[in-house]
Amino acid sequence: MLSFGWNMNYFGLSNLFNGIISIILGIFVLSKNPRDARYSTYFIFCLSVAVWSFCYFIWQMQNDPISALFWTRALNAGALFTSITYYHHISCFLGKAKDNRRSIIAGYVIAFLLLLLNFTPLYISGVAGRLDFVFWPVPGPLYWTFIAFWLVYIVIALKMILDEYKIAKGDHKISIKHIFVVTIIGWIGGAMNFPLWYNIPIYPATNILVSIYMVTIAYLITRYQLMDIKLIVRKGLLYSILTAIITFIYLSVVYLSETALKQIAGYNQLWLQIPVIFLLVLTFQPLKDKVQEKIDQIFFTEKEFFKKAIKVERRATVEKMRVSLQHEINNPLASAMANTQAMIIKLDKGETLSPLKLSEKLRVIEIEMKRIKGILLDLEKMADPVTTEYIPGVDMIDIKKSAKA
């Protein structure tokens, strides 16, 4: 039986956020290219996380042991597939799906076999009070097989990421390092639920780390262009965060009002829900714009800054090259033109040039043309431009030194 007298606590809400963020990001990424294994496996992974998260949230709302037991088994069904789908996605992402084909198939076969046991007492025997939880699951005699399976595929996925890090270079190496770190953080967030299953008094307070993991992975995808889905992730983050905020506001207001006003005679929950929904509709667009602005500031301004910096640097380089060519080519070109024009003037006047004089002027023209040709050859050899001051406040590229650099 469900009511707004739910156990509306951090544990339930954190998993509601996990589910919302996971499913929306998964759908947006899949929409980029459903046929690409990198995107489809990412969606399947997000779907398994979402099933675990939403069922966890619903479990926290239950008021009777039978319903609580059903939803703990349901959330475990989602959890069963999180590690193998993650391993599958990482294999595709790193281009190792063919090499890992057997282990991927074996993982899915094991997951489906364990799913057959999931709704039996062999896996989850019942629910009991643990710490502040009224209905916490009690593991059956075979539940350890799930934990072992879950851990094995996470460990080999992490090893695969670590092996990639060792051979990666540049930005790819940095991105792989960040993925490795946030993956550990995310899996620790989920793993902290296990101790309480075996009556070890540790609160599963790290569930929200799963959301942090999903958002951070989205950030790494956009920053390092890991899957060429910048626009998709931008939209996915926007609607994930927006949906989470609206859901949180709605549930919080309704729950708090239910708690405060349910003693009032004739109180009807509809009286509050209608104005709350109306208020959310009015604030949706301003909230959307604000969230989008913040996402762009955090995720995309750094890249835009570098684009602008590169553009400015390119313009400065072009200007320096213009000054260099004007200086280097103008001088020999002016000399060659002066000698050519002198001969044309003589000939126009009907005057003749002695063979010695003609040879002298043609030799000067030849020397200056060779000088220009040398400059062009130096330009071909230039790799790293060497800058020098042309006049105070104006720099130029030293073509000779640049050709030797």
Protein backbone atom coordinates (compact mmCIF):
# COMPACT_ATOMS: atom_id res chain seq x y z
CA MET A 1 0.00 0.00 0.00
CA LEU A 2 1.40 3.41 -0.99
CA SER A 3 0.66 6.77 0.56
CA PHE A 4 2.37 10.11 1.13
CA GLY A 5 3.23 8.87 4.58
CA TRP A 6 6.18 7.17 2.90
CA ASN A 7 9.60 6.86 4.43
CA MET A 8 10.59 9.91 2.38
CA ASN A 9 14.25 9.99 3.45
CA TYR A 10 17.67 10.53 1.97
CA PHE A 11 18.04 6.89 0.98
CA GLY A 12 14.87 6.86 -1.10
CA LEU A 13 15.34 10.26 -2.71
CA SER A 14 19.02 9.71 -3.55
CA ASN A 15 18.07 6.62 -5.51
CA LEU A 16 15.20 8.45 -7.19
CA PHE A 17 17.77 10.96 -8.46
CA ASN A 18 20.06 8.09 -9.51
CA GLY A 19 17.25 6.56 -11.55
CA ILE A 20 16.16 9.81 -13.19
CA ILE A 21 19.68 10.82 -14.21
CA SER A 22 20.57 7.31 -15.42
CA ILE A 23 17.52 6.72 -17.60
CA ILE A 24 17.50 10.18 -19.20
CA LEU A 25 21.23 10.14 -20.00
CA GLY A 26 20.88 6.60 -21.34
CA ILE A 27 18.01 7.55 -23.66
CA PHE A 28 19.74 10.68 -24.96
CA VAL A 29 22.99 8.81 -25.65
CA LEU A 30 21.15 5.96 -27.39
CA SER A 31 19.35 8.46 -29.63
CA LYS A 32 22.73 9.51 -31.08
CA ASN A 33 23.20 6.18 -32.87
CA PRO A 34 21.30 3.09 -31.66
CA ARG A 35 23.36 0.84 -33.95
CA ASP A 36 26.67 1.86 -32.40
CA ALA A 37 27.58 -0.68 -29.70
CA ARG A 38 29.19 2.01 -27.56
CA TYR A 39 25.88 3.86 -27.30
CA SER A 40 23.55 0.85 -27.04
CA THR A 41 25.63 -0.81 -24.31
CA TYR A 42 25.80 2.48 -22.41
CA PHE A 43 22.00 2.65 -22.56
CA ILE A 44 21.65 -0.95 -21.28
CA PHE A 45 24.02 -0.14 -18.42
CA CYS A 46 22.02 3.01 -17.57
CA LEU A 47 18.80 0.97 -17.74
CA SER A 48 20.09 -1.58 -15.23
CA VAL A 49 21.19 1.22 -12.88
CA ALA A 50 17.78 2.87 -13.30
CA VAL A 51 15.89 -0.37 -12.48
CA TRP A 52 17.97 -0.79 -9.32
CA SER A 53 17.49 2.87 -8.36
CA PHE A 54 13.74 3.16 -8.99
CA CYS A 55 13.00 -0.14 -7.25
CA TYR A 56 15.18 0.97 -4.33
CA PHE A 57 13.14 4.17 -4.11
CA ILE A 58 9.82 2.29 -4.21
CA TRP A 59 11.11 -0.19 -1.60
CA GLN A 60 11.73 2.71 0.78
CA MET A 61 8.06 3.70 0.45
CA GLN A 62 6.62 0.37 1.58
CA ASN A 63 4.66 -0.06 4.80
CA ASP A 64 4.33 -3.85 4.89
CA PRO A 65 6.92 -6.66 4.77
CA ILE A 66 5.43 -8.52 1.78
CA SER A 67 5.64 -5.47 -0.51
CA ALA A 68 9.06 -4.57 0.87
CA LEU A 69 10.35 -8.09 0.12
CA PHE A 70 9.05 -7.93 -3.47
CA TRP A 71 10.74 -4.62 -4.18
CA THR A 72 14.06 -5.66 -2.61
CA ARG A 73 14.05 -8.64 -4.97
CA ALA A 74 13.11 -6.34 -7.86
CA LEU A 75 15.96 -3.92 -7.13
CA ASN A 76 18.34 -6.86 -6.89
CA ALA A 77 17.22 -7.93 -10.39
CA GLY A 78 18.46 -4.58 -11.69
CA ALA A 79 21.66 -4.80 -9.66
CA LEU A 80 22.38 -8.24 -11.15
CA PHE A 81 23.01 -6.70 -14.57
CA THR A 82 24.91 -3.55 -13.57
CA SER A 83 28.40 -5.08 -13.54
CA ILE A 84 28.10 -7.20 -16.70
CA THR A 85 26.49 -4.37 -18.71
CA TYR A 86 29.21 -2.02 -17.51
CA TYR A 87 31.90 -4.53 -18.51
CA HIS A 88 30.21 -4.92 -21.90
CA HIS A 89 30.08 -1.13 -22.41
CA ILE A 90 33.74 -0.62 -21.43
CA SER A 91 34.74 -3.43 -23.81
CA CYS A 92 32.93 -1.67 -26.68
CA PHE A 93 34.18 1.77 -25.64
CA LEU A 94 37.83 0.61 -25.66
CA GLY A 95 37.38 -1.41 -28.87
CA LYS A 96 37.87 -4.78 -27.13
CA ALA A 97 34.40 -6.29 -27.52
CA LYS A 98 35.60 -8.96 -29.98
CA ASP A 99 38.49 -9.98 -27.72
CA ASN A 100 36.13 -10.19 -24.72
CA ARG A 101 33.24 -11.84 -26.57
CA ARG A 102 33.32 -15.07 -24.56
CA SER A 103 33.50 -13.39 -21.17
CA ILE A 104 30.67 -11.02 -22.16
CA ILE A 105 28.40 -13.90 -23.23
CA ALA A 106 29.33 -15.87 -20.09
CA GLY A 107 28.47 -12.86 -17.94
CA TYR A 108 24.99 -12.47 -19.42
CA VAL A 109 24.31 -16.23 -19.12
CA ILE A 110 25.33 -16.19 -15.44
CA ALA A 111 23.24 -13.06 -14.81
CA PHE A 112 20.10 -14.67 -16.28
CA LEU A 113 20.70 -17.90 -14.32
CA LEU A 114 21.03 -15.91 -11.10
CA LEU A 115 17.88 -14.00 -12.04
CA LEU A 116 15.97 -17.31 -11.82
CA LEU A 117 17.03 -17.59 -8.17
CA ASN A 118 16.42 -13.93 -7.41
CA PHE A 119 12.74 -14.24 -6.43
CA THR A 120 13.31 -17.28 -4.20
CA PRO A 121 14.31 -17.55 -0.51
CA LEU A 122 17.65 -18.96 -1.68
CA TYR A 123 18.62 -15.45 -2.67
CA ILE A 124 16.63 -13.15 -0.40
CA SER A 125 14.96 -15.01 2.46
CA GLY A 126 12.98 -12.10 3.88
CA VAL A 127 13.18 -8.63 5.42
CA ALA A 128 14.03 -7.55 8.96
CA GLY A 129 14.80 -4.43 10.95
CA ARG A 130 18.34 -3.06 10.49
CA LEU A 131 19.45 0.20 12.13
CA ASP A 132 16.73 2.74 11.20
CA PHE A 133 15.34 0.59 8.37
CA VAL A 134 12.14 -1.29 9.16
CA PHE A 135 12.38 -3.65 6.18
CA TRP A 136 15.98 -4.42 5.24
CA PRO A 137 16.61 -7.54 3.10
CA VAL A 138 18.00 -10.69 4.69
CA PRO A 139 20.31 -12.68 2.36
CA GLY A 140 19.56 -16.28 1.55
CA PRO A 141 22.18 -19.06 1.50
CA LEU A 142 23.09 -18.42 -2.16
CA TYR A 143 23.16 -14.61 -2.12
CA TRP A 144 26.96 -14.64 -1.93
CA THR A 145 27.02 -15.88 -5.57
CA PHE A 146 25.57 -12.54 -6.70
CA ILE A 147 28.16 -10.54 -4.74
CA ALA A 148 30.98 -12.69 -6.16
CA PHE A 149 29.65 -12.34 -9.74
CA TRP A 150 29.12 -8.59 -9.29
CA LEU A 151 32.64 -8.02 -7.95
CA VAL A 152 34.42 -10.18 -10.55
CA TYR A 153 33.05 -8.25 -13.53
CA ILE A 154 33.70 -4.88 -11.91
CA VAL A 155 37.31 -5.85 -11.15
CA ILE A 156 38.05 -7.10 -14.69
CA ALA A 157 36.41 -3.95 -16.13
CA LEU A 158 38.65 -1.79 -13.92
CA LYS A 159 41.70 -3.83 -14.95
CA MET A 160 40.80 -3.26 -18.59
CA ILE A 161 40.62 0.52 -17.98
CA LEU A 162 43.94 0.42 -16.12
CA ASP A 163 45.63 -1.50 -18.98
CA GLU A 164 44.32 1.12 -21.44
CA TYR A 165 45.72 3.89 -19.22
CA LYS A 166 49.20 2.37 -19.35
CA ILE A 167 49.38 2.57 -23.16
CA ALA A 168 47.31 5.76 -23.68
CA LYS A 169 48.87 9.14 -24.46
CA GLY A 170 47.94 12.81 -24.16
CA ASP A 171 44.34 13.76 -23.47
CA HIS A 172 43.21 10.17 -23.91
CA LYS A 173 45.45 9.11 -21.04
CA ILE A 174 44.04 11.87 -18.81
CA SER A 175 40.45 10.93 -19.68
CA ILE A 176 41.08 7.23 -18.96
CA LYS A 177 42.60 8.12 -15.58
CA HIS A 178 39.53 10.17 -14.66
CA ILE A 179 37.19 7.39 -15.82
CA PHE A 180 39.09 4.90 -13.63
CA VAL A 181 38.82 7.12 -10.54
CA VAL A 182 35.13 8.02 -10.89
CA THR A 183 34.28 4.39 -11.69
CA ILE A 184 35.75 3.30 -8.37
CA ILE A 185 33.82 6.08 -6.60
CA GLY A 186 30.55 5.08 -8.29
CA TRP A 187 30.87 1.37 -7.53
CA ILE A 188 31.83 2.08 -3.92
CA GLY A 189 28.63 4.14 -3.70
CA GLY A 190 26.55 1.09 -4.57
CA ALA A 191 28.68 -1.50 -2.72
CA MET A 192 28.12 0.17 0.67
CA ASN A 193 24.65 -1.40 0.70
CA PHE A 194 26.11 -4.91 1.19
CA PRO A 195 27.40 -4.72 4.80
CA LEU A 196 23.91 -4.13 6.24
CA TRP A 197 22.65 -7.24 4.40
CA TYR A 198 24.91 -9.24 6.69
CA ASN A 199 23.95 -7.20 9.76
CA ILE A 200 27.15 -5.12 9.73
CA PRO A 201 25.93 -1.72 11.06
CA ILE A 202 27.12 0.57 8.23
CA TYR A 203 24.66 3.03 6.69
CA PRO A 204 24.43 2.93 2.86
CA ALA A 205 24.89 6.71 2.82
CA THR A 206 26.98 6.68 -0.38
CA ASN A 207 24.17 5.86 -2.83
CA ILE A 208 24.26 9.42 -4.16
CA LEU A 209 27.79 8.71 -5.45
CA VAL A 210 26.12 6.80 -8.28
CA SER A 211 24.55 10.06 -9.50
CA ILE A 212 27.88 11.81 -9.11
CA TYR A 213 29.48 9.05 -11.17
CA MET A 214 26.89 9.34 -13.97
CA VAL A 215 27.20 13.15 -14.17
CA THR A 216 31.01 13.02 -14.03
CA ILE A 217 31.14 10.46 -16.85
CA ALA A 218 28.90 12.78 -18.88
CA TYR A 219 31.35 15.62 -18.17
CA LEU A 220 34.34 13.52 -19.28
CA ILE A 221 32.52 12.50 -22.46
CA THR A 222 31.93 16.15 -23.37
CA ARG A 223 35.32 17.47 -22.29
CA TYR A 224 37.42 14.83 -24.07
CA GLN A 225 34.86 14.05 -26.84
CA LEU A 226 35.02 10.38 -25.86
CA MET A 227 31.98 9.33 -27.90
CA ASP A 228 31.28 12.40 -30.07
CA ILE A 229 28.01 13.15 -28.24
CA LYS A 230 28.56 16.64 -26.87
CA LEU A 231 25.13 17.97 -27.88
CA ILE A 232 23.36 14.80 -26.75
CA VAL A 233 24.98 14.88 -23.31
CA ARG A 234 24.25 18.60 -23.02
CA LYS A 235 20.53 17.95 -23.53
CA GLY A 236 20.59 14.82 -21.39
CA LEU A 237 22.16 16.61 -18.45
CA LEU A 238 19.73 19.48 -18.78
CA TYR A 239 16.61 17.33 -18.64
CA SER A 240 18.08 14.92 -16.05
CA ILE A 241 18.89 17.71 -13.60
CA LEU A 242 15.67 19.57 -14.40
CA THR A 243 13.53 16.48 -13.83
CA ALA A 244 15.38 15.70 -10.60
CA ILE A 245 14.86 19.25 -9.28
CA ILE A 246 11.15 19.34 -10.17
CA THR A 247 10.57 15.86 -8.71
CA PHE A 248 12.40 16.80 -5.52
CA ILE A 249 10.41 20.04 -5.12
CA TYR A 250 7.09 18.33 -5.80
CA LEU A 251 7.66 15.36 -3.48
CA SER A 252 9.15 17.50 -0.72
CA VAL A 253 6.29 20.03 -0.73
CA VAL A 254 3.60 17.35 -0.86
CA TYR A 255 5.25 15.23 1.82
CA LEU A 256 5.86 18.14 4.19
CA SER A 257 2.34 19.46 3.73
CA GLU A 258 0.92 15.98 4.26
CA THR A 259 2.81 15.72 7.52
CA ALA A 260 1.81 19.21 8.69
CA LEU A 261 -1.82 19.36 7.52
CA LYS A 262 -3.16 15.81 7.67
CA GLN A 263 -4.57 16.47 11.15
CA ILE A 264 -6.77 19.26 9.81
CA ALA A 265 -10.38 18.14 9.37
CA GLY A 266 -11.48 18.03 5.74
CA TYR A 267 -7.92 18.33 4.41
CA ASN A 268 -7.65 17.08 0.83
CA GLN A 269 -4.26 16.45 -0.76
CA LEU A 270 -5.59 17.72 -4.11
CA TRP A 271 -5.84 21.25 -2.67
CA LEU A 272 -2.08 21.41 -2.42
CA GLN A 273 -1.10 19.37 -5.49
CA ILE A 274 -2.92 21.68 -7.93
CA PRO A 275 -1.15 24.93 -6.86
CA VAL A 276 2.21 23.10 -6.62
CA ILE A 277 1.85 21.76 -10.19
CA PHE A 278 0.73 25.21 -11.41
CA LEU A 279 3.75 26.81 -9.74
CA LEU A 280 6.12 24.27 -11.32
CA VAL A 281 4.63 24.94 -14.77
CA LEU A 282 5.18 28.69 -14.33
CA THR A 283 8.78 28.27 -13.18
CA PHE A 284 9.75 25.54 -15.67
CA GLN A 285 11.19 27.78 -18.42
CA PRO A 286 13.16 30.13 -16.11
CA LEU A 287 14.47 27.09 -14.23
CA LYS A 288 15.40 25.39 -17.51
CA ASP A 289 17.30 28.47 -18.70
CA LYS A 290 19.16 28.76 -15.40
CA VAL A 291 20.13 25.08 -15.32
CA GLN A 292 21.27 25.26 -18.97
CA GLU A 293 23.40 28.31 -18.19
CA LYS A 294 25.09 26.52 -15.30
CA ILE A 295 25.69 23.36 -17.36
CA ASP A 296 27.28 25.40 -20.14
CA GLN A 297 29.45 27.28 -17.65
CA ILE A 298 30.73 24.07 -16.04
CA PHE A 299 30.94 21.77 -19.04
CA PHE A 300 31.53 23.84 -22.15
CA THR A 301 33.05 27.27 -21.42
CA GLU A 302 36.54 25.89 -20.98
CA LYS A 303 36.49 24.42 -24.46
CA GLU A 304 35.04 27.61 -25.94
CA PHE A 305 37.77 29.58 -24.19
CA PHE A 306 40.44 27.45 -25.84
CA LYS A 307 38.75 27.87 -29.22
CA LYS A 308 38.84 31.65 -28.83
CA ALA A 309 42.45 31.54 -27.63
CA ILE A 310 43.46 29.47 -30.66
CA LYS A 311 41.63 31.90 -32.96
CA VAL A 312 43.43 34.89 -31.44
CA GLU A 313 46.79 33.11 -31.66
CA ARG A 314 46.12 32.19 -35.29
CA ARG A 315 45.37 35.81 -36.16
CA ALA A 316 48.55 36.95 -34.40
CA THR A 317 50.61 34.38 -36.34
CA VAL A 318 49.10 35.49 -39.65
CA GLU A 319 49.94 39.12 -38.84
CA LYS A 320 53.55 38.22 -37.97
CA MET A 321 53.87 36.26 -41.20
CA ARG A 322 52.48 39.20 -43.19
CA VAL A 323 55.10 41.52 -41.70
CA SER A 324 57.85 38.94 -42.38
CA LEU A 325 56.92 38.44 -46.04
CA GLN A 326 56.54 42.16 -46.56
CA HIS A 327 60.02 42.71 -45.13
CA GLU A 328 61.82 39.74 -46.73
CA ILE A 329 60.26 39.81 -50.20
CA ASN A 330 59.70 43.55 -50.67
CA ASN A 331 63.44 44.39 -50.64
CA PRO A 332 64.63 41.99 -53.41
CA LEU A 333 61.42 42.57 -55.36
CA ALA A 334 61.94 46.36 -55.25
CA SER A 335 65.54 45.96 -56.44
CA ALA A 336 64.53 43.66 -59.32
CA MET A 337 61.71 45.99 -60.37
CA ALA A 338 63.99 49.05 -60.27
CA ASN A 339 66.50 47.43 -62.64
CA THR A 340 63.70 46.17 -64.92
CA GLN A 341 62.08 49.63 -65.09
CA ALA A 342 65.46 51.29 -65.80
CA MET A 343 65.94 49.07 -68.84
CA ILE A 344 62.36 49.69 -70.05
CA ILE A 345 62.85 53.49 -69.78
CA LYS A 346 66.10 53.30 -71.79
CA LEU A 347 64.47 51.20 -74.48
CA ASP A 348 61.39 53.49 -74.64
CA LYS A 349 63.69 56.44 -75.34
CA GLY A 350 65.35 54.56 -78.19
CA GLU A 351 68.60 54.29 -76.31
CA THR A 352 70.68 51.16 -76.51
CA LEU A 353 72.29 49.30 -73.64
CA SER A 354 75.80 47.98 -73.94
CA PRO A 355 76.11 44.23 -73.50
CA LEU A 356 78.03 44.82 -70.25
CA LYS A 357 75.34 47.13 -68.84
CA LEU A 358 72.55 44.75 -69.88
CA SER A 359 74.34 41.79 -68.34
CA GLU A 360 74.92 43.72 -65.11
CA LYS A 361 71.23 44.62 -64.71
CA LEU A 362 70.01 41.11 -65.63
CA ARG A 363 72.45 39.62 -63.13
CA VAL A 364 71.04 41.85 -60.37
CA ILE A 365 67.51 40.74 -61.29
CA GLU A 366 68.62 37.09 -61.24
CA ILE A 367 70.23 37.48 -57.79
CA GLU A 368 67.10 39.09 -56.35
CA MET A 369 64.86 36.39 -57.87
CA LYS A 370 67.09 33.70 -56.35
CA ARG A 371 66.82 35.50 -53.03
CA ILE A 372 63.01 35.35 -53.22
CA LYS A 373 63.19 31.67 -54.21
CA GLY A 374 65.41 31.02 -51.16
CA ILE A 375 62.84 32.69 -48.91
CA LEU A 376 60.10 30.42 -50.32
CA LEU A 377 62.31 27.35 -49.76
CA ASP A 378 62.89 28.44 -46.15
CA LEU A 379 59.12 28.72 -45.71
CA GLU A 380 58.76 25.09 -46.79
CA LYS A 381 61.34 23.99 -44.19
CA MET A 382 59.81 26.05 -41.38
CA ALA A 383 58.37 23.98 -38.52
CA ASP A 384 58.45 26.03 -35.32
CA PRO A 385 58.24 29.78 -36.03
CA VAL A 386 60.94 31.92 -34.37
CA THR A 387 59.69 35.42 -33.58
CA THR A 388 61.83 38.55 -33.59
CA GLU A 389 61.08 42.27 -33.21
CA TYR A 390 60.67 44.07 -36.53
CA ILE A 391 60.15 47.55 -35.09
CA PRO A 392 59.23 48.52 -31.52
CA GLY A 393 55.81 47.02 -30.78
CA VAL A 394 55.65 44.94 -33.99
CA ASP A 395 56.92 41.34 -34.15
CA MET A 396 57.71 39.30 -37.21
CA ILE A 397 58.68 35.70 -37.91
CA ASP A 398 62.38 35.24 -38.64
CA ILE A 399 62.11 32.93 -41.65
CA LYS A 400 65.82 32.06 -41.74
CA LYS A 401 66.00 31.09 -38.07
CA SER A 402 62.66 29.29 -38.28
CA ALA A 403 63.93 27.15 -41.16
CA LYS A 404 66.94 26.10 -39.04
CA ALA A 405 64.86 25.44 -35.88
